[in-house]
Amino acid sequence: MDAEHLVALCTVPNAEEGARIARSLVEERLAACVNIVDGLRSIYVWKGEVSDDREALLVIKTGRATLDALTSRIVALHPYETPEVIALPIAAGHAPYLAWIDESLARG
């Protein structure tokens, strides 16, 4: 993945748990912004069985340079055994917004 800016997605059991994780990610400058989308319904296979659960979705604005640290922190904070953390490249965007993402993230 060569994109400098990313949107990472992570499902959580509920909005309150999502807010706890989101606040840590932003405070630790691993994410510039996290949107919490409540009311998600997820149908998936887990340990050989089909599950149907209510969840919330974290939409995380971050950068390539912070992705590994962000993933590690989510895994440490998350209540799920195998949390979802997937990242999609931002192919284009409003230049001032992308610059704000850069300014908001930790510098290594």
Protein backbone atom coordinates (compact mmCIF):
# COMPACT_ATOMS: atom_id res chain seq x y z
CA MET A 1 0.00 0.00 0.00
CA ASP A 2 1.64 3.23 -1.17
CA ALA A 3 -1.05 5.76 -0.21
CA GLU A 4 0.08 8.34 2.31
CA HIS A 5 -3.41 8.87 3.75
CA LEU A 6 -5.72 6.02 4.78
CA VAL A 7 -9.20 5.31 6.05
CA ALA A 8 -9.14 2.40 8.48
CA LEU A 9 -12.28 0.52 9.46
CA CYS A 10 -12.91 -1.29 12.73
CA THR A 11 -16.12 -2.80 14.09
CA VAL A 12 -16.82 -2.60 17.82
CA PRO A 13 -19.57 -4.08 19.99
CA ASN A 14 -21.28 -0.71 20.61
CA ALA A 15 -20.86 3.06 20.31
CA GLU A 16 -19.67 3.47 23.90
CA GLU A 17 -16.84 0.99 23.42
CA GLY A 18 -16.08 2.67 20.10
CA ALA A 19 -15.86 6.08 21.77
CA ARG A 20 -13.39 4.72 24.34
CA ILE A 21 -11.14 3.32 21.62
CA ALA A 22 -11.58 6.36 19.35
CA ARG A 23 -10.64 8.81 22.10
CA SER A 24 -7.43 6.88 22.83
CA LEU A 25 -6.47 6.77 19.15
CA VAL A 26 -6.99 10.52 18.72
CA GLU A 27 -5.35 11.47 22.03
CA GLU A 28 -2.33 9.33 21.16
CA ARG A 29 -2.20 10.98 17.70
CA LEU A 30 -2.60 7.68 15.87
CA ALA A 31 -5.77 9.00 14.20
CA ALA A 32 -6.70 12.50 13.12
CA CYS A 33 -10.43 11.77 13.43
CA VAL A 34 -12.66 8.80 14.17
CA ASN A 35 -16.31 8.71 13.15
CA ILE A 36 -18.56 6.30 15.03
CA VAL A 37 -21.39 4.86 12.97
CA ASP A 38 -23.88 3.23 15.32
CA GLY A 39 -26.63 0.78 14.42
CA LEU A 40 -24.61 -1.59 12.28
CA ARG A 41 -25.81 -5.15 11.81
CA SER A 42 -23.04 -7.63 11.04
CA ILE A 43 -23.59 -11.14 9.73
CA TYR A 44 -20.41 -13.19 9.63
CA VAL A 45 -18.88 -16.61 10.23
CA TRP A 46 -16.98 -16.99 13.51
CA LYS A 47 -15.58 -20.31 14.73
CA GLY A 48 -17.65 -22.22 12.17
CA GLU A 49 -20.99 -20.62 13.06
CA VAL A 50 -22.96 -17.83 11.43
CA SER A 51 -23.34 -14.88 13.81
CA ASP A 52 -25.76 -11.97 13.54
CA ASP A 53 -24.83 -9.09 15.85
CA ARG A 54 -25.42 -5.40 16.42
CA GLU A 55 -22.19 -3.41 16.25
CA ALA A 56 -20.83 0.06 15.57
CA LEU A 57 -18.23 0.98 12.97
CA LEU A 58 -15.18 3.17 13.52
CA VAL A 59 -14.14 5.13 10.42
CA ILE A 60 -10.59 6.19 11.20
CA LYS A 61 -8.61 8.83 9.28
CA THR A 62 -4.91 8.07 9.58
CA GLY A 63 -1.69 7.80 7.62
CA ARG A 64 0.46 5.00 6.28
CA ALA A 65 3.26 5.85 8.70
CA THR A 66 0.95 5.35 11.71
CA LEU A 67 -0.95 2.27 10.53
CA ASP A 68 1.16 -0.34 12.34
CA ALA A 69 1.02 1.56 15.65
CA LEU A 70 -2.71 2.20 15.19
CA THR A 71 -3.36 -1.49 14.55
CA SER A 72 -1.34 -2.54 17.61
CA ARG A 73 -3.18 -0.05 19.80
CA ILE A 74 -6.60 -1.17 18.56
CA VAL A 75 -5.69 -4.81 19.25
CA ALA A 76 -4.57 -3.84 22.79
CA LEU A 77 -7.75 -1.86 23.54
CA HIS A 78 -10.35 -3.97 21.73
CA PRO A 79 -12.56 -6.51 23.53
CA TYR A 80 -12.77 -8.86 20.52
CA GLU A 81 -10.39 -11.80 20.19
CA THR A 82 -9.70 -10.86 16.55
CA PRO A 83 -10.66 -7.24 15.92
CA GLU A 84 -11.23 -6.01 12.39
CA VAL A 85 -8.64 -3.48 11.28
CA ILE A 86 -8.56 -2.91 7.54
CA ALA A 87 -7.18 0.14 5.74
CA LEU A 88 -8.18 1.65 2.44
CA PRO A 89 -6.08 4.21 0.57
CA ILE A 90 -7.37 7.72 0.07
CA ALA A 91 -6.76 8.19 -3.66
CA ALA A 92 -7.59 11.90 -3.62
CA GLY A 93 -8.98 14.50 -1.28
CA HIS A 94 -9.28 18.17 -0.40
CA ALA A 95 -5.63 19.24 0.06
CA PRO A 96 -6.20 21.28 3.25
CA TYR A 97 -8.04 18.32 4.83
CA LEU A 98 -5.23 15.91 3.94
CA ALA A 99 -2.71 18.40 5.37
CA TRP A 100 -4.77 18.54 8.57
CA ILE A 101 -4.57 14.74 8.85
CA ASP A 102 -0.78 15.01 8.58
CA GLU A 103 -0.63 17.74 11.24
CA SER A 104 -2.85 15.75 13.60
CA LEU A 105 -0.81 12.52 13.57
CA ALA A 106 2.16 11.62 15.72
CA ARG A 107 5.52 12.26 14.19
CA GLY A 108 7.98 9.39 14.45
